[in-house]
N, C-alpha and C. Protein backbone atom coordinates (compact mmCIF):
# COMPACT_ATOMS: atom_id res chain seq x y z
N UNK A 1 0.84 -1.18 0.00
CA UNK A 1 0.00 0.00 0.00
C UNK A 1 0.89 1.24 0.00
N UNK A 2 0.44 2.21 -0.74
CA UNK A 2 1.15 3.48 -0.84
C UNK A 2 1.12 4.20 0.52
N UNK A 3 2.26 4.70 1.01
CA UNK A 3 2.27 5.39 2.32
C UNK A 3 1.37 6.62 2.36
N UNK A 4 1.24 7.33 1.26
CA UNK A 4 0.37 8.51 1.23
C UNK A 4 -1.08 8.10 1.39
N UNK A 5 -1.46 7.01 0.73
CA UNK A 5 -2.83 6.51 0.86
C UNK A 5 -3.09 6.01 2.27
N UNK A 6 -2.11 5.34 2.86
CA UNK A 6 -2.27 4.84 4.23
C UNK A 6 -2.45 5.99 5.22
N UNK A 7 -1.68 7.09 5.01
CA UNK A 7 -1.84 8.25 5.89
C UNK A 7 -3.23 8.87 5.73
N UNK A 8 -3.71 8.95 4.50
CA UNK A 8 -5.03 9.53 4.27
C UNK A 8 -6.13 8.67 4.89
N UNK A 9 -6.01 7.36 4.75
CA UNK A 9 -7.00 6.47 5.35
C UNK A 9 -6.94 6.55 6.87
N UNK A 10 -5.73 6.59 7.43
CA UNK A 10 -5.59 6.70 8.88
C UNK A 10 -6.17 7.99 9.43
N UNK A 11 -5.94 9.09 8.73
CA UNK A 11 -6.49 10.38 9.17
C UNK A 11 -8.00 10.37 9.07
N UNK A 12 -8.54 9.79 8.00
CA UNK A 12 -9.99 9.72 7.84
C UNK A 12 -10.64 8.87 8.92
N UNK A 13 -10.02 7.76 9.25
CA UNK A 13 -10.57 6.90 10.31
C UNK A 13 -10.49 7.61 11.66
N UNK A 14 -9.39 8.31 11.92
CA UNK A 14 -9.23 9.01 13.20
C UNK A 14 -10.31 10.06 13.40
N UNK A 15 -10.56 10.90 12.40
CA UNK A 15 -11.55 11.95 12.57
C UNK A 15 -12.96 11.38 12.48
N UNK A 16 -13.15 10.33 11.69
CA UNK A 16 -14.48 9.73 11.57
C UNK A 16 -14.95 9.11 12.87
N UNK A 17 -14.12 8.28 13.45
CA UNK A 17 -14.49 7.63 14.71
C UNK A 17 -14.42 8.63 15.86
N UNK A 18 -13.44 9.53 15.80
CA UNK A 18 -13.29 10.52 16.86
C UNK A 18 -14.40 11.54 16.89
N UNK A 19 -15.07 11.78 15.80
CA UNK A 19 -16.19 12.71 15.78
C UNK A 19 -17.53 12.06 16.04
N UNK A 20 -17.61 10.75 15.88
CA UNK A 20 -18.87 10.03 16.07
C UNK A 20 -19.32 10.05 17.53
N UNK A 21 -18.43 9.72 18.44
CA UNK A 21 -18.79 9.67 19.86
C UNK A 21 -19.24 11.01 20.43
N UNK A 22 -18.47 12.07 20.24
CA UNK A 22 -18.91 13.37 20.74
C UNK A 22 -20.21 13.86 20.12
N UNK A 23 -20.41 13.56 18.85
CA UNK A 23 -21.66 13.96 18.20
C UNK A 23 -22.86 13.29 18.84
N UNK A 24 -22.75 12.01 19.08
CA UNK A 24 -23.84 11.29 19.75
C UNK A 24 -24.00 11.78 21.19
N UNK A 25 -22.89 11.99 21.87
CA UNK A 25 -22.96 12.44 23.26
C UNK A 25 -23.60 13.81 23.42
N UNK A 26 -23.25 14.73 22.54
CA UNK A 26 -23.83 16.07 22.61
C UNK A 26 -25.33 16.00 22.29
N UNK A 27 -25.70 15.20 21.31
CA UNK A 27 -27.11 15.05 20.98
C UNK A 27 -27.91 14.48 22.14
N UNK A 28 -27.37 13.49 22.81
CA UNK A 28 -28.07 12.91 23.96
C UNK A 28 -28.14 13.91 25.11
N UNK A 29 -27.09 14.70 25.30
CA UNK A 29 -27.09 15.69 26.38
C UNK A 29 -28.14 16.77 26.13
N UNK A 30 -28.24 17.23 24.90
CA UNK A 30 -29.22 18.26 24.59
C UNK A 30 -30.64 17.71 24.73
N UNK A 31 -30.84 16.48 24.28
CA UNK A 31 -32.16 15.86 24.44
C UNK A 31 -32.54 15.76 25.92
N UNK A 32 -31.61 15.32 26.74
CA UNK A 32 -31.89 15.21 28.17
C UNK A 32 -32.15 16.57 28.81
N UNK A 33 -31.40 17.57 28.38
CA UNK A 33 -31.60 18.92 28.93
C UNK A 33 -32.96 19.47 28.54
N UNK A 34 -33.36 19.26 27.30
CA UNK A 34 -34.67 19.75 26.87
C UNK A 34 -35.80 19.04 27.60
N UNK A 35 -35.64 17.76 27.84
CA UNK A 35 -36.64 17.02 28.62
C UNK A 35 -36.71 17.54 30.06
N UNK A 36 -35.54 17.82 30.64
CA UNK A 36 -35.51 18.33 32.02
C UNK A 36 -36.13 19.71 32.11
N UNK A 37 -35.85 20.56 31.13
CA UNK A 37 -36.44 21.90 31.13
C UNK A 37 -37.93 21.83 30.90
N UNK A 38 -38.36 20.88 30.08
CA UNK A 38 -39.79 20.70 29.86
C UNK A 38 -40.51 20.27 31.12
N UNK A 39 -39.87 19.46 31.94
CA UNK A 39 -40.49 19.00 33.18
C UNK A 39 -40.43 20.05 34.28
N UNK A 40 -39.35 20.82 34.31
CA UNK A 40 -39.15 21.79 35.39
C UNK A 40 -38.59 23.08 34.80
N UNK A 41 -39.44 23.94 34.25
CA UNK A 41 -38.95 25.16 33.60
C UNK A 41 -38.19 26.11 34.52
N UNK A 42 -38.45 26.05 35.82
CA UNK A 42 -37.77 26.94 36.76
C UNK A 42 -36.27 26.64 36.86
N UNK A 43 -35.89 25.43 36.52
CA UNK A 43 -34.48 25.04 36.62
C UNK A 43 -33.75 25.20 35.30
N UNK A 44 -34.31 25.94 34.38
CA UNK A 44 -33.73 26.05 33.03
C UNK A 44 -32.30 26.61 33.07
N UNK A 45 -32.05 27.59 33.89
CA UNK A 45 -30.71 28.19 33.94
C UNK A 45 -29.64 27.21 34.39
N UNK A 46 -29.93 26.47 35.45
CA UNK A 46 -28.96 25.49 35.96
C UNK A 46 -28.75 24.35 34.97
N UNK A 47 -29.84 23.88 34.38
CA UNK A 47 -29.74 22.78 33.42
C UNK A 47 -28.95 23.23 32.19
N UNK A 48 -29.22 24.42 31.71
CA UNK A 48 -28.54 24.94 30.52
C UNK A 48 -27.04 25.09 30.78
N UNK A 49 -26.69 25.61 31.93
CA UNK A 49 -25.27 25.79 32.27
C UNK A 49 -24.55 24.45 32.31
N UNK A 50 -25.15 23.48 32.97
CA UNK A 50 -24.53 22.16 33.07
C UNK A 50 -24.43 21.51 31.69
N UNK A 51 -25.46 21.68 30.86
CA UNK A 51 -25.44 21.10 29.52
C UNK A 51 -24.33 21.71 28.68
N UNK A 52 -24.14 23.02 28.76
CA UNK A 52 -23.11 23.68 27.97
C UNK A 52 -21.72 23.22 28.40
N UNK A 53 -21.50 23.07 29.69
CA UNK A 53 -20.20 22.58 30.17
C UNK A 53 -19.96 21.16 29.67
N UNK A 54 -20.97 20.30 29.76
CA UNK A 54 -20.83 18.92 29.27
C UNK A 54 -20.60 18.86 27.78
N UNK A 55 -21.30 19.71 27.02
CA UNK A 55 -21.11 19.73 25.57
C UNK A 55 -19.71 20.22 25.21
N UNK A 56 -19.20 21.17 25.96
CA UNK A 56 -17.84 21.66 25.69
C UNK A 56 -16.80 20.57 25.97
N UNK A 57 -17.00 19.80 27.01
CA UNK A 57 -16.07 18.71 27.30
C UNK A 57 -16.14 17.63 26.23
N UNK A 58 -17.34 17.33 25.75
CA UNK A 58 -17.47 16.34 24.68
C UNK A 58 -16.87 16.86 23.39
N UNK A 59 -17.05 18.14 23.12
CA UNK A 59 -16.48 18.74 21.91
C UNK A 59 -14.95 18.73 21.96
N UNK A 60 -14.38 18.80 23.15
CA UNK A 60 -12.92 18.75 23.28
C UNK A 60 -12.39 17.42 22.76
N UNK A 61 -13.13 16.34 22.96
CA UNK A 61 -12.71 15.03 22.46
C UNK A 61 -12.66 15.04 20.93
N UNK A 62 -13.65 15.68 20.31
CA UNK A 62 -13.66 15.78 18.85
C UNK A 62 -12.48 16.62 18.36
N UNK A 63 -12.14 17.66 19.09
CA UNK A 63 -11.00 18.49 18.70
C UNK A 63 -9.70 17.70 18.83
N UNK A 64 -9.58 16.89 19.87
CA UNK A 64 -8.40 16.04 20.00
C UNK A 64 -8.30 15.07 18.83
N UNK A 65 -9.42 14.49 18.42
CA UNK A 65 -9.42 13.58 17.27
C UNK A 65 -9.00 14.32 16.00
N UNK A 66 -9.46 15.55 15.86
CA UNK A 66 -9.08 16.36 14.70
C UNK A 66 -7.58 16.63 14.70
N UNK A 67 -7.03 16.95 15.85
CA UNK A 67 -5.59 17.21 15.95
C UNK A 67 -4.80 15.95 15.60
N UNK A 68 -5.25 14.81 16.08
CA UNK A 68 -4.57 13.55 15.76
C UNK A 68 -4.64 13.27 14.26
N UNK A 69 -5.80 13.54 13.64
CA UNK A 69 -5.93 13.34 12.19
C UNK A 69 -4.99 14.26 11.43
N UNK A 70 -4.87 15.51 11.86
CA UNK A 70 -3.94 16.44 11.20
C UNK A 70 -2.50 15.98 11.38
N UNK A 71 -2.16 15.49 12.56
CA UNK A 71 -0.80 14.99 12.78
C UNK A 71 -0.52 13.79 11.88
N UNK A 72 -1.49 12.89 11.78
CA UNK A 72 -1.30 11.72 10.92
C UNK A 72 -1.13 12.15 9.46
N UNK A 73 -1.95 13.10 9.03
CA UNK A 73 -1.94 13.49 7.62
C UNK A 73 -0.69 14.27 7.23
N UNK A 74 -0.19 15.12 8.11
CA UNK A 74 0.89 16.02 7.69
C UNK A 74 2.24 15.79 8.35
N UNK A 75 2.29 15.10 9.48
CA UNK A 75 3.56 14.97 10.19
C UNK A 75 4.16 13.59 10.04
N UNK A 76 3.34 12.59 10.18
CA UNK A 76 3.85 11.20 10.17
C UNK A 76 4.30 10.81 8.79
């Protein structure tokens, strides 16, 4: 196999799998937050704050996967 093709496939797999988990996690977090706000509208501020912090942490995992994909594609 050509090394350039192997690097491209490795980078694609890294960002593909690395973006799948955070995407699902953020979607589930938002769904849960909307359900919680629907049940208890008075707690919307606290729920929203916690959801945003959790989404930011999940998004950090996707950014790490992106960095690894860039390293694979251009450095290795």
